[in-house]
């Protein structure tokens, strides 16, 4: 016979995960990648371009732009935050490092908000385990703390969180604010004043972070859930909470309309089976290993969420998951939008822990052990090949994919990576020998393995990754060519550009110190004062329509070292 409540948990199973261990897990995940690198190309450098423009005073704060180009996302708060960080940073700190510090704090806020949100959901009577006839069941707060620990471990273990959560981009701020709203709604029956404040701040922040319609849907949906929840609060209190959420939703809509950031970006549903298969594959690997545990939760707790007297610890994360996943299916940036679903996925995954069978837990452990141990071994082997040239095949592959890269040995990175690998070995032994009855045991290895591989990549491989994904080596290469062509200075000089995107032009300005002027925007007088011209190779046939080629000498084409598709041609103005 199936129990109405599937959670049968003794007090011995809710042993507290040591706080130092949880803090180390979070630190090992948040800190790598903050130091020792430049902004990487793609979303991060594009976002950084507008932050730098705001900080230098070359852009209007209410309409961030650079060289007359607007950002893809109508977000204000992320750009403001980065610009403020650049302005208050000390002189010795680079702008790239300055903007990463507040965004690393946003990732920490995501983890903290998820923990506290799950804690209050697990405190609800419907989530508590079955009471034993003679006592000995898990105490409410100990049980809630254990489930919250498991949720944070599940969130860290999600594969899709790794890269996007460490980039300086509006989506990371949206992730932190969604988690903050999730915490506020989850804690509403326990701390109404603080919770409503958190919800209000989170929803208004989402509006200013490029997701006003998403914020309105969250407000309305959360308000309806408050009205339907008849077990956590009185009817009058639930109505007051719902009214507040509806008013905040209206305030968000009014703010978005006032700032003219209310734009429709949803796409119609795909009619191509291949597109649906791609989205399904993205969903499977992006949310691994949370999605199998989520399905298990929905099955084992089905009587709690499928009945009229539903449980808020299930319905609330289900609502957040449904909203974010459906939005991801209807947008261009499915992976970035899907990132917002991970806290809710981790919450549902955590509630699978009280119902997991020993065989399922053992399967998770074995798969995780093999996958992450193998991944860590590959990272070490390729690093050894970069340092010594042996094994030869990985060394040749690195030389082929990143021509011009010169490996360097860093003692600090080596010691940190070695210590992390030793901790992984100790964690595997500890997991198999101790605390076998703790609920969070099944997520220790997934979270530890994810943190280990991310830390190894951002210590051992950091010079290689920075060489491959930053613009600095490319700009330095172009500066070297300029110095050979002209013995004059290559810093603080005018540089015309044609066909370059925002990130490329910012790279020449930030890494090279050039005064970059798009040739189609510059006046004739400005063109006469610029000794250099950089042209995207794909647009070279159109160049005679923009400049007089008889005034320029073609120097050479220069490819970005790690990407042959990204190449420009350098021109030098002929002397009269």
Protein backbone atom coordinates (compact mmCIF):
# COMPACT_ATOMS: atom_id res chain seq x y z
CA UNK A 1 0.00 0.00 0.00
CA UNK A 2 1.33 3.47 -0.91
CA UNK A 3 1.71 5.88 1.99
CA UNK A 4 -0.06 9.26 1.60
CA UNK A 5 3.27 10.83 2.55
CA UNK A 6 6.18 8.92 1.00
CA UNK A 7 8.83 10.46 3.29
CA UNK A 8 9.70 7.99 6.04
CA UNK A 9 12.78 9.51 7.64
CA UNK A 10 14.31 8.69 11.03
CA UNK A 11 16.29 11.24 13.00
CA UNK A 12 19.53 9.43 12.15
CA UNK A 13 19.03 10.25 8.45
CA UNK A 14 19.05 14.03 8.94
CA UNK A 15 22.57 14.42 10.17
CA UNK A 16 23.69 17.94 9.52
CA UNK A 17 26.12 18.50 6.68
CA UNK A 18 29.03 20.34 8.36
CA UNK A 19 28.80 24.04 7.55
CA UNK A 20 32.48 24.19 6.69
CA UNK A 21 31.94 21.44 4.11
CA UNK A 22 28.98 23.26 2.55
CA UNK A 23 30.93 26.53 2.48
CA UNK A 24 33.88 24.80 0.83
CA UNK A 25 31.59 23.31 -1.80
CA UNK A 26 30.19 26.76 -2.60
CA UNK A 27 33.59 28.48 -2.52
CA UNK A 28 35.16 25.85 -4.78
CA UNK A 29 32.36 26.51 -7.25
CA UNK A 30 32.04 30.30 -7.06
CA UNK A 31 35.65 31.50 -6.83
CA UNK A 32 37.42 29.70 -9.74
CA UNK A 33 37.40 31.89 -12.81
CA UNK A 34 37.16 35.15 -10.89
CA UNK A 35 40.88 35.87 -10.93
CA UNK A 36 43.63 35.54 -13.51
CA UNK A 37 41.66 35.96 -16.72
CA UNK A 38 40.30 38.56 -19.10
CA UNK A 39 36.64 38.93 -20.13
CA UNK A 40 35.80 36.15 -22.57
CA UNK A 41 34.27 36.66 -25.99
CA UNK A 42 30.59 36.12 -26.43
CA UNK A 43 27.90 37.25 -24.01
CA UNK A 44 30.40 38.22 -21.34
CA UNK A 45 32.52 40.58 -23.44
CA UNK A 46 29.47 42.03 -25.14
CA UNK A 47 28.00 42.86 -21.73
CA UNK A 48 31.35 44.17 -20.52
CA UNK A 49 31.48 46.55 -23.51
CA UNK A 50 28.40 48.45 -22.36
CA UNK A 51 29.56 48.47 -18.73
CA UNK A 52 32.86 50.01 -19.79
CA UNK A 53 31.09 52.60 -21.93
CA UNK A 54 28.91 53.64 -18.98
CA UNK A 55 31.87 53.80 -16.62
CA UNK A 56 33.87 55.96 -19.04
CA UNK A 57 30.96 58.32 -19.61
CA UNK A 58 30.54 57.59 -23.31
CA UNK A 59 27.00 56.22 -22.92
CA UNK A 60 23.72 57.44 -21.47
CA UNK A 61 22.75 55.58 -18.30
CA UNK A 62 19.07 55.16 -19.21
CA UNK A 63 19.83 53.94 -22.74
CA UNK A 64 23.16 52.08 -22.67
CA UNK A 65 24.81 52.14 -26.08
CA UNK A 66 28.25 52.05 -27.61
CA UNK A 67 29.14 53.55 -30.99
CA UNK A 68 25.42 54.06 -31.49
CA UNK A 69 24.62 50.37 -31.04
CA UNK A 70 22.09 49.18 -28.48
CA UNK A 71 22.47 45.95 -26.48
CA UNK A 72 20.55 42.86 -27.49
CA UNK A 73 18.71 42.80 -24.17
CA UNK A 74 16.97 45.87 -22.74
CA UNK A 75 18.60 45.45 -19.36
CA UNK A 76 19.69 48.36 -17.22
CA UNK A 77 20.59 47.06 -13.77
CA UNK A 78 23.33 44.59 -14.87
CA UNK A 79 25.11 47.29 -16.87
CA UNK A 80 24.78 49.76 -14.01
CA UNK A 81 26.17 47.26 -11.53
CA UNK A 82 29.22 46.57 -13.69
CA UNK A 83 29.81 50.25 -14.40
CA UNK A 84 29.62 51.11 -10.70
CA UNK A 85 32.08 48.32 -9.93
CA UNK A 86 34.54 49.73 -12.49
CA UNK A 87 34.19 53.26 -11.13
CA UNK A 88 34.79 52.35 -7.47
CA UNK A 89 37.54 49.81 -8.15
CA UNK A 90 41.05 50.77 -6.98
CA UNK A 91 43.57 51.81 -9.67
CA UNK A 92 45.48 48.52 -9.47
CA UNK A 93 42.38 46.45 -10.26
CA UNK A 94 41.49 45.84 -13.89
CA UNK A 95 38.01 46.60 -15.13
CA UNK A 96 37.51 42.94 -16.05
CA UNK A 97 38.16 41.81 -12.48
CA UNK A 98 36.11 44.63 -11.00
CA UNK A 99 32.93 43.60 -12.81
CA UNK A 100 33.37 39.92 -11.93
CA UNK A 101 33.32 40.56 -8.16
CA UNK A 102 29.66 41.70 -7.86
CA UNK A 103 28.52 39.03 -10.29
CA UNK A 104 30.28 36.35 -8.24
CA UNK A 105 28.32 37.69 -5.29
CA UNK A 106 25.14 37.24 -7.36
CA UNK A 107 26.01 33.57 -7.82
CA UNK A 108 26.53 33.28 -4.07
CA UNK A 109 23.14 34.97 -3.57
CA UNK A 110 21.60 32.34 -5.86
CA UNK A 111 22.95 29.51 -3.72
CA UNK A 112 21.93 31.20 -0.46
CA UNK A 113 18.42 32.04 -1.71
CA UNK A 114 17.89 28.50 -2.91
CA UNK A 115 18.97 27.09 0.45
CA UNK A 116 16.65 29.34 2.46
CA UNK A 117 13.74 28.89 0.07
CA UNK A 118 13.94 25.11 0.23
CA UNK A 119 14.40 25.26 4.00
CA UNK A 120 11.05 27.02 4.47
CA UNK A 121 9.31 24.77 1.96
CA UNK A 122 10.56 21.70 3.82
CA UNK A 123 9.24 23.17 7.08
CA UNK A 124 5.66 23.06 5.77
CA UNK A 125 3.53 20.34 7.39
CA UNK A 126 2.85 18.63 4.05
CA UNK A 127 6.57 18.17 3.43
CA UNK A 128 7.39 16.71 6.84
CA UNK A 129 8.05 12.96 7.10
CA UNK A 130 5.60 10.46 8.55
CA UNK A 131 5.38 10.46 12.35
CA UNK A 132 6.41 7.15 13.92
CA UNK A 133 4.18 5.38 16.42
CA UNK A 134 6.87 5.38 19.12
CA UNK A 135 8.78 8.52 18.07
CA UNK A 136 12.17 8.76 16.43
CA UNK A 137 11.09 10.49 13.22
CA UNK A 138 13.16 13.38 11.95
CA UNK A 139 12.68 16.67 13.75
CA UNK A 140 11.15 19.39 11.54
CA UNK A 141 14.07 21.84 11.52
CA UNK A 142 16.71 19.13 11.15
CA UNK A 143 14.74 17.62 8.28
CA UNK A 144 14.30 21.02 6.59
CA UNK A 145 18.00 21.81 6.97
CA UNK A 146 18.97 18.49 5.42
CA UNK A 147 16.64 18.95 2.43
CA UNK A 148 18.01 22.48 1.92
CA UNK A 149 21.57 21.16 1.97
CA UNK A 150 20.60 18.62 -0.65
CA UNK A 151 19.04 21.33 -2.85
CA UNK A 152 22.24 23.39 -2.88
CA UNK A 153 24.27 20.29 -3.73
CA UNK A 154 21.83 19.46 -6.53
CA UNK A 155 22.09 23.01 -7.90
CA UNK A 156 25.90 22.91 -7.90
CA UNK A 157 25.81 19.53 -9.63
CA UNK A 158 23.68 20.78 -12.57
CA UNK A 159 25.88 20.80 -15.67
CA UNK A 160 24.20 23.82 -17.25
CA UNK A 161 25.01 26.06 -14.30
CA UNK A 162 28.80 25.93 -14.69
CA UNK A 163 29.66 28.31 -17.53
CA UNK A 164 26.67 30.67 -17.65
CA UNK A 165 26.72 31.31 -13.91
CA UNK A 166 30.36 32.42 -14.07
CA UNK A 167 29.88 34.90 -16.90
CA UNK A 168 29.29 38.60 -16.41
CA UNK A 169 25.92 38.84 -18.11
CA UNK A 170 22.32 39.94 -17.46
CA UNK A 171 21.18 36.31 -17.26
CA UNK A 172 23.24 35.76 -14.09
CA UNK A 173 21.52 38.71 -12.44
CA UNK A 174 18.17 37.31 -13.57
CA UNK A 175 19.11 33.95 -12.02
CA UNK A 176 19.95 35.58 -8.69
CA UNK A 177 16.75 37.62 -8.68
CA UNK A 178 14.55 34.66 -9.63
CA UNK A 179 16.11 32.72 -6.75
CA UNK A 180 15.48 35.68 -4.46
CA UNK A 181 11.81 35.82 -5.48
CA UNK A 182 11.60 32.05 -5.01
CA UNK A 183 12.92 32.45 -1.46
CA UNK A 184 10.46 35.26 -0.75
CA UNK A 185 7.41 33.29 -1.88
CA UNK A 186 8.60 30.13 -0.09
CA UNK A 187 9.12 31.93 3.24
CA UNK A 188 5.89 33.94 3.01
CA UNK A 189 3.96 31.99 5.71
CA UNK A 190 6.86 32.32 8.18
CA UNK A 191 8.27 35.83 7.68
CA UNK A 192 5.68 37.85 5.72
CA UNK A 193 7.34 41.25 6.07
CA UNK A 194 10.81 40.16 4.99
CA UNK A 195 9.41 37.85 2.34
CA UNK A 196 7.26 40.50 0.67
CA UNK A 197 10.25 42.85 0.71
CA UNK A 198 12.39 40.19 -0.97
CA UNK A 199 9.71 39.49 -3.57
CA UNK A 200 9.28 43.20 -4.34
CA UNK A 201 13.02 43.78 -4.73
CA UNK A 202 13.42 40.65 -6.83
CA UNK A 203 10.55 41.43 -9.22
CA UNK A 204 11.57 45.07 -9.71
CA UNK A 205 15.15 43.92 -10.25
CA UNK A 206 13.98 41.43 -12.86
CA UNK A 207 12.16 44.23 -14.65
CA UNK A 208 15.38 46.26 -14.78
CA UNK A 209 17.38 43.19 -15.82
CA UNK A 210 15.60 42.60 -19.10
CA UNK A 211 12.73 40.32 -18.00
CA UNK A 212 9.69 42.53 -17.24
CA UNK A 213 7.09 40.17 -18.71
CA UNK A 214 8.65 37.24 -16.87
CA UNK A 215 8.48 39.24 -13.62
CA UNK A 216 4.79 40.03 -14.16
CA UNK A 217 4.00 36.36 -14.79
CA UNK A 218 5.87 35.38 -11.64
CA UNK A 219 3.97 37.94 -9.60
CA UNK A 220 0.55 36.93 -10.91
CA UNK A 221 1.24 33.20 -10.68
CA UNK A 222 2.66 33.45 -7.16
CA UNK A 223 -0.35 35.52 -6.11
CA UNK A 224 -2.74 32.86 -7.42
CA UNK A 225 -0.81 30.18 -5.54
CA UNK A 226 -1.23 32.19 -2.35
CA UNK A 227 -4.98 32.31 -2.90
CA UNK A 228 -5.16 28.56 -3.51
CA UNK A 229 -3.00 27.66 -0.53
CA UNK A 230 -5.52 27.05 2.25
CA UNK A 231 -3.21 25.17 4.61
CA UNK A 232 -0.27 27.50 5.25
CA UNK A 233 -2.06 30.71 6.24
CA UNK A 234 -5.54 32.01 6.94
CA UNK A 235 -7.76 33.04 4.06
CA UNK A 236 -7.52 36.73 4.99
CA UNK A 237 -3.71 36.62 5.16
CA UNK A 238 -3.51 34.74 1.87
CA UNK A 239 -5.66 37.41 0.21
CA UNK A 240 -3.43 40.18 1.54
CA UNK A 241 -0.32 38.40 0.24
CA UNK A 242 -1.93 37.83 -3.15
CA UNK A 243 -3.05 41.47 -3.34
CA UNK A 244 0.49 42.65 -2.63
CA UNK A 245 1.90 40.38 -5.34
CA UNK A 246 -0.68 41.59 -7.87
CA UNK A 247 0.15 45.23 -7.02
CA UNK A 248 3.87 44.54 -7.45
CA UNK A 249 3.10 42.96 -10.82
CA UNK A 250 1.25 46.13 -11.85
CA UNK A 251 4.15 48.24 -10.61
CA UNK A 252 6.57 46.17 -12.70
CA UNK A 253 4.41 46.63 -15.78
CA UNK A 254 4.20 50.39 -15.20
CA UNK A 255 7.97 50.67 -14.71
CA UNK A 256 8.65 48.68 -17.88
CA UNK A 257 6.26 50.88 -19.85
CA UNK A 258 7.80 54.07 -18.47
CA UNK A 259 11.34 53.00 -19.35
CA UNK A 260 10.24 51.57 -22.73
CA UNK A 261 11.73 48.14 -22.03
CA UNK A 262 8.53 46.22 -22.65
CA UNK A 263 9.24 44.26 -25.83
CA UNK A 264 7.79 41.01 -27.15
CA UNK A 265 10.53 38.47 -27.87
CA UNK A 266 8.64 35.18 -27.73
CA UNK A 267 8.65 32.97 -30.81
CA UNK A 268 5.92 30.64 -32.07
CA UNK A 269 6.26 26.97 -31.23
CA UNK A 270 8.66 25.07 -33.44
CA UNK A 271 7.15 22.92 -36.17
CA UNK A 272 10.46 21.26 -37.00
CA UNK A 273 11.00 17.87 -35.28
CA UNK A 274 14.74 18.44 -35.38
CA UNK A 275 14.35 21.65 -33.38
CA UNK A 276 12.32 19.81 -30.74
CA UNK A 277 14.97 17.08 -30.52
CA UNK A 278 17.65 19.71 -30.04
CA UNK A 279 15.65 21.36 -27.27
CA UNK A 280 15.08 18.00 -25.61
CA UNK A 281 18.79 17.20 -25.69
CA UNK A 282 19.53 20.63 -24.25
CA UNK A 283 17.03 20.06 -21.44
CA UNK A 284 18.45 16.62 -20.65
CA UNK A 285 22.11 17.56 -20.32
CA UNK A 286 21.56 21.11 -19.03
CA UNK A 287 19.55 20.00 -15.98
CA UNK A 288 21.47 16.78 -15.28
CA UNK A 289 21.43 15.25 -12.64
CA UNK A 290 18.43 17.15 -11.26
CA UNK A 291 15.85 16.09 -13.84
CA UNK A 292 15.81 12.32 -13.04
CA UNK A 293 15.39 13.12 -9.36
CA UNK A 294 12.69 15.65 -10.26
CA UNK A 295 10.71 13.00 -12.13
CA UNK A 296 11.13 10.67 -9.18
CA UNK A 297 9.80 13.38 -6.84
CA UNK A 298 6.76 14.01 -8.99
CA UNK A 299 5.97 10.30 -9.03
CA UNK A 300 6.51 9.52 -5.35
CA UNK A 301 4.77 12.68 -4.13
CA UNK A 302 1.98 12.54 -6.72
CA UNK A 303 -0.79 12.36 -4.10
CA UNK A 304 0.41 15.63 -2.65
CA UNK A 305 0.42 17.70 -5.84
CA UNK A 306 -2.31 15.99 -7.88
CA UNK A 307 -5.06 16.33 -5.25
CA UNK A 308 -7.19 19.31 -4.32
CA UNK A 309 -5.23 19.77 -1.10
CA UNK A 310 -1.94 20.25 -2.85
CA UNK A 311 1.34 20.86 -1.08
CA UNK A 312 3.18 24.13 -1.54
CA UNK A 313 6.60 22.48 -1.29
CA UNK A 314 5.82 20.77 -4.61
CA UNK A 315 3.47 23.13 -6.43
CA UNK A 316 5.61 26.23 -5.93
CA UNK A 317 8.79 24.81 -7.55
CA UNK A 318 6.62 23.11 -10.17
CA UNK A 319 5.16 26.50 -11.10
CA UNK A 320 8.59 28.11 -11.33
CA UNK A 321 9.86 25.19 -13.41
CA UNK A 322 6.90 25.26 -15.79
CA UNK A 323 7.18 29.02 -16.28
CA UNK A 324 10.92 29.03 -17.01
CA UNK A 325 10.96 25.92 -19.20
CA UNK A 326 8.01 27.10 -21.31
CA UNK A 327 9.69 30.50 -21.70
CA UNK A 328 12.93 28.80 -22.75
CA UNK A 329 11.07 26.88 -25.46
CA UNK A 330 9.74 30.14 -26.92
CA UNK A 331 12.91 32.25 -27.00
CA UNK A 332 16.04 32.51 -29.14
CA UNK A 333 18.38 31.95 -26.19
CA UNK A 334 16.98 28.68 -24.87
CA UNK A 335 20.07 27.76 -22.83
CA UNK A 336 20.28 31.13 -21.10
CA UNK A 337 16.57 31.17 -20.25
CA UNK A 338 16.70 27.57 -19.08
CA UNK A 339 19.30 28.63 -16.52
CA UNK A 340 16.49 30.31 -14.56
CA UNK A 341 14.81 26.92 -14.03
CA UNK A 342 17.73 25.31 -12.23
CA UNK A 343 16.89 26.47 -8.65
CA UNK A 344 13.38 25.05 -9.00
CA UNK A 345 14.73 21.84 -10.53
CA UNK A 346 17.18 21.52 -7.63
CA UNK A 347 14.33 22.03 -5.16
CA UNK A 348 12.25 19.23 -6.64
CA UNK A 349 15.34 17.02 -6.84
CA UNK A 350 16.01 17.55 -3.14
CA UNK A 351 12.57 16.27 -2.18
CA UNK A 352 13.40 12.99 -3.92
CA UNK A 353 16.06 12.26 -1.30
CA UNK A 354 13.68 11.02 1.47
CA UNK A 355 12.15 8.50 -0.96
CA UNK A 356 15.21 7.22 -2.85
CA UNK A 357 15.82 3.52 -2.79
CA UNK A 358 19.28 2.26 -1.90
CA UNK A 359 19.79 0.78 -5.37
CA UNK A 360 19.00 4.12 -7.05
CA UNK A 361 21.36 5.97 -4.71
CA UNK A 362 24.11 3.45 -5.46
CA UNK A 363 23.55 3.89 -9.21
CA UNK A 364 23.90 7.67 -8.87
CA UNK A 365 27.10 7.24 -6.88
CA UNK A 366 28.70 4.85 -9.35
CA UNK A 367 27.79 6.89 -12.39
CA UNK A 368 29.02 10.09 -10.77
CA UNK A 369 32.24 8.47 -9.60
CA UNK A 370 33.08 7.17 -13.07
CA UNK A 371 32.02 10.31 -14.95
CA UNK A 372 33.78 12.94 -12.85
CA UNK A 373 36.83 10.84 -12.06
CA UNK A 374 37.27 10.20 -15.78
CA UNK A 375 36.77 13.89 -16.57
CA UNK A 376 39.32 14.94 -13.94
CA UNK A 377 41.81 12.38 -15.28
CA UNK A 378 41.43 13.75 -18.81
CA UNK A 379 41.99 17.32 -17.56
CA UNK A 380 45.18 16.26 -15.78
CA UNK A 381 46.49 14.27 -18.76
CA UNK A 382 46.00 17.17 -21.19
CA UNK A 383 47.65 19.56 -18.71
CA UNK A 384 50.65 17.25 -18.39
CA UNK A 385 50.82 17.06 -22.19
CA UNK A 386 50.82 20.86 -22.41
CA UNK A 387 53.67 21.10 -19.90
CA UNK A 388 55.87 18.20 -21.10
CA UNK A 389 54.79 17.35 -24.65
CA UNK A 390 53.80 13.85 -23.56
CA UNK A 391 51.43 12.19 -24.30
CA UNK A 392 52.05 13.48 -27.80
CA UNK A 393 48.50 13.27 -29.16
CA UNK A 394 46.91 15.69 -26.65
CA UNK A 395 49.91 18.02 -27.00
CA UNK A 396 49.50 18.11 -30.79
CA UNK A 397 45.76 18.70 -30.48
CA UNK A 398 46.33 21.70 -28.21
CA UNK A 399 48.95 23.12 -30.60
CA UNK A 400 46.55 22.67 -33.52
CA UNK A 401 43.52 24.20 -31.82
CA UNK A 402 45.40 27.08 -30.18
CA UNK A 403 48.34 28.00 -32.44
CA UNK A 404 50.75 30.35 -30.77
CA UNK A 405 49.84 29.34 -27.22
CA UNK A 406 52.82 29.03 -24.90
CA UNK A 407 52.07 26.89 -21.81
CA UNK A 408 53.14 28.27 -18.44
CA UNK A 409 53.48 26.61 -15.06
CA UNK A 410 51.91 28.24 -12.02
CA UNK A 411 52.70 26.88 -8.61
CA UNK A 412 49.56 28.27 -6.98
CA UNK A 413 47.24 26.80 -9.61
CA UNK A 414 49.06 23.46 -9.42
CA UNK A 415 48.84 23.26 -5.62
CA UNK A 416 45.14 24.21 -5.59
CA UNK A 417 44.34 21.65 -8.31
CA UNK A 418 46.35 18.95 -6.52
CA UNK A 419 44.61 19.68 -3.21
CA UNK A 420 41.18 19.60 -4.89
CA UNK A 421 41.97 16.23 -6.50
CA UNK A 422 43.12 14.85 -3.15
CA UNK A 423 39.91 16.11 -1.55
CA UNK A 424 37.92 14.32 -4.25
CA UNK A 425 39.68 11.06 -3.45
CA UNK A 426 39.02 11.59 0.24
CA UNK A 427 35.37 12.42 -0.47
CA UNK A 428 34.91 9.17 -2.40
CA UNK A 429 36.39 7.14 0.47
CA UNK A 430 34.38 9.10 3.04
CA UNK A 431 31.16 8.66 1.10
CA UNK A 432 31.55 4.91 0.98
CA UNK A 433 32.55 4.54 4.63
CA UNK A 434 30.68 7.10 6.72
CA UNK A 435 27.33 8.88 6.99
CA UNK A 436 25.64 6.23 4.91
CA UNK A 437 22.25 7.17 6.35
CA UNK A 438 22.38 10.92 5.72
CA UNK A 439 19.77 12.07 3.18
CA UNK A 440 22.18 14.34 1.32
CA UNK A 441 24.67 11.48 0.74
CA UNK A 442 23.45 10.82 -2.81
CA UNK A 443 24.25 14.37 -3.94
CA UNK A 444 27.66 14.77 -2.32
CA UNK A 445 29.54 13.10 -5.16
CA UNK A 446 27.65 14.89 -8.00
CA UNK A 447 28.23 18.28 -6.40
CA UNK A 448 31.81 17.47 -5.45
CA UNK A 449 32.58 16.17 -8.94
CA UNK A 450 31.10 19.23 -10.64
CA UNK A 451 33.04 21.57 -8.35
CA UNK A 452 36.23 19.54 -8.87
CA UNK A 453 36.10 19.61 -12.67
CA UNK A 454 35.23 23.30 -12.77
CA UNK A 455 38.08 24.11 -10.39
CA UNK A 456 40.56 22.02 -12.40
CA UNK A 457 39.54 23.70 -15.63
CA UNK A 458 39.89 27.17 -14.14
CA UNK A 459 43.29 26.46 -12.56
CA UNK A 460 45.22 24.02 -14.75
CA UNK A 461 43.63 25.06 -18.03
CA UNK A 462 43.09 28.74 -17.25
CA UNK A 463 46.01 30.05 -19.40
CA UNK A 464 44.80 27.96 -22.35
CA UNK A 465 41.15 28.94 -21.92
CA UNK A 466 42.04 32.60 -21.53
CA UNK A 467 44.16 32.42 -24.68
CA UNK A 468 41.32 30.77 -26.60
CA UNK A 469 38.38 32.85 -25.37
CA UNK A 470 39.80 36.31 -24.68
CA UNK A 471 40.59 38.98 -27.24
CA UNK A 472 43.86 40.05 -25.60
CA UNK A 473 46.24 37.73 -27.56
CA UNK A 474 44.64 38.86 -30.81
CA UNK A 475 44.98 42.56 -29.99
CA UNK A 476 48.57 42.06 -28.89
CA UNK A 477 49.33 40.26 -32.14
CA UNK A 478 47.91 43.18 -34.14
CA UNK A 479 49.89 45.65 -32.05
CA UNK A 480 53.07 43.68 -32.82
CA UNK A 481 52.35 43.92 -36.55
CA UNK A 482 51.73 47.65 -36.19
CA UNK A 483 55.02 48.13 -34.37
CA UNK A 484 56.93 46.38 -37.16
CA UNK A 485 55.14 48.43 -39.82
CA UNK A 486 55.53 51.74 -38.04
CA UNK A 487 58.06 52.44 -35.28
CA UNK A 488 55.67 54.94 -33.73
CA UNK A 489 53.51 54.25 -30.72
CA UNK A 490 50.55 51.88 -30.91
CA UNK A 491 48.75 53.14 -27.80
CA UNK A 492 46.20 55.95 -27.61
CA UNK A 493 46.17 56.23 -31.40
CA UNK A 494 43.15 56.52 -33.64
CA UNK A 495 41.94 53.31 -35.22
CA UNK A 496 39.23 53.15 -37.88
CA UNK A 497 37.14 50.01 -38.03
CA UNK A 498 34.79 48.69 -40.67
CA UNK A 499 32.55 45.67 -40.19
CA UNK A 500 33.70 44.94 -36.63
CA UNK A 501 31.13 44.10 -33.99
CA UNK A 502 30.80 45.82 -30.63
CA UNK A 503 32.93 43.29 -28.76
CA UNK A 504 35.79 43.48 -31.26
CA UNK A 505 35.88 47.28 -31.21
CA UNK A 506 35.79 47.29 -27.40
CA UNK A 507 38.63 44.76 -27.36
CA UNK A 508 40.86 47.13 -29.36
CA UNK A 509 39.94 49.96 -27.01
CA UNK A 510 40.25 48.00 -23.74
CA UNK A 511 43.25 45.76 -24.47
CA UNK A 512 45.08 48.04 -26.90
CA UNK A 513 44.15 51.50 -25.69
CA UNK A 514 43.05 52.58 -29.19
CA UNK A 515 40.61 55.36 -29.89
CA UNK A 516 38.29 53.28 -32.07
CA UNK A 517 36.06 55.00 -34.60
CA UNK A 518 33.64 53.07 -36.84
CA UNK A 519 34.43 54.26 -40.34
CA UNK A 520 30.81 54.56 -41.36
CA UNK A 521 30.20 56.88 -38.40
CA UNK A 522 33.40 58.94 -38.47
CA UNK A 523 33.58 62.29 -40.20
CA UNK A 524 36.07 63.11 -42.92
CA UNK A 525 38.25 65.04 -40.49
CA UNK A 526 38.38 62.10 -38.11
CA UNK A 527 39.31 59.76 -40.94
CA UNK A 528 42.23 61.98 -41.91
CA UNK A 529 43.66 61.74 -38.40
CA UNK A 530 43.55 57.95 -38.13
CA UNK A 531 46.71 56.13 -39.27
CA UNK A 532 45.24 52.63 -39.02
CA UNK A 533 42.22 50.85 -40.45
CA UNK A 534 40.94 47.40 -39.43
CA UNK A 535 38.42 45.71 -41.71
CA UNK A 536 36.47 42.51 -41.30
CA UNK A 537 37.60 40.22 -44.11
CA UNK A 538 34.06 39.35 -45.13
CA UNK A 539 33.37 43.01 -45.90
CA UNK A 540 36.57 43.84 -47.76
CA UNK A 541 34.80 43.91 -51.17
CA UNK A 542 32.63 46.77 -49.87
CA UNK A 543 35.57 48.81 -48.58
CA UNK A 544 36.02 51.00 -51.75
CA UNK A 545 32.53 52.36 -51.14
CA UNK A 546 33.57 53.69 -47.73
CA UNK A 547 37.21 54.85 -48.02
CA UNK A 548 39.59 55.81 -50.82
CA UNK A 549 41.81 52.77 -51.12
CA UNK A 550 44.57 54.72 -52.84
CA UNK A 551 45.23 56.38 -49.48
CA UNK A 552 45.79 53.07 -47.68
CA UNK A 553 48.39 50.30 -47.80
CA UNK A 554 47.26 46.79 -47.03
CA UNK A 555 49.53 45.34 -44.34
CA UNK A 556 48.21 41.80 -43.83
CA UNK A 557 45.28 39.70 -42.67
CA UNK A 558 45.41 38.65 -39.02
CA UNK A 559 43.44 35.72 -37.66
CA UNK A 560 42.39 35.36 -34.07
CA UNK A 561 44.66 32.55 -32.79
CA UNK A 562 41.91 30.19 -31.63
CA UNK A 563 39.32 30.96 -34.30
CA UNK A 564 40.24 31.16 -37.99
CA UNK A 565 36.76 32.40 -38.83
CA UNK A 566 37.39 35.61 -36.91
CA UNK A 567 39.91 37.55 -38.96
CA UNK A 568 40.57 41.11 -40.01
CA UNK A 569 42.76 42.92 -42.52
CA UNK A 570 45.00 45.70 -41.28
CA UNK A 571 45.61 48.83 -43.39
CA UNK A 572 48.10 51.65 -42.80
CA UNK A 573 47.61 55.16 -44.14
CA UNK A 574 50.10 56.13 -46.80
CA UNK A 575 52.33 59.08 -46.11
CA UNK A 576 51.52 62.11 -48.32
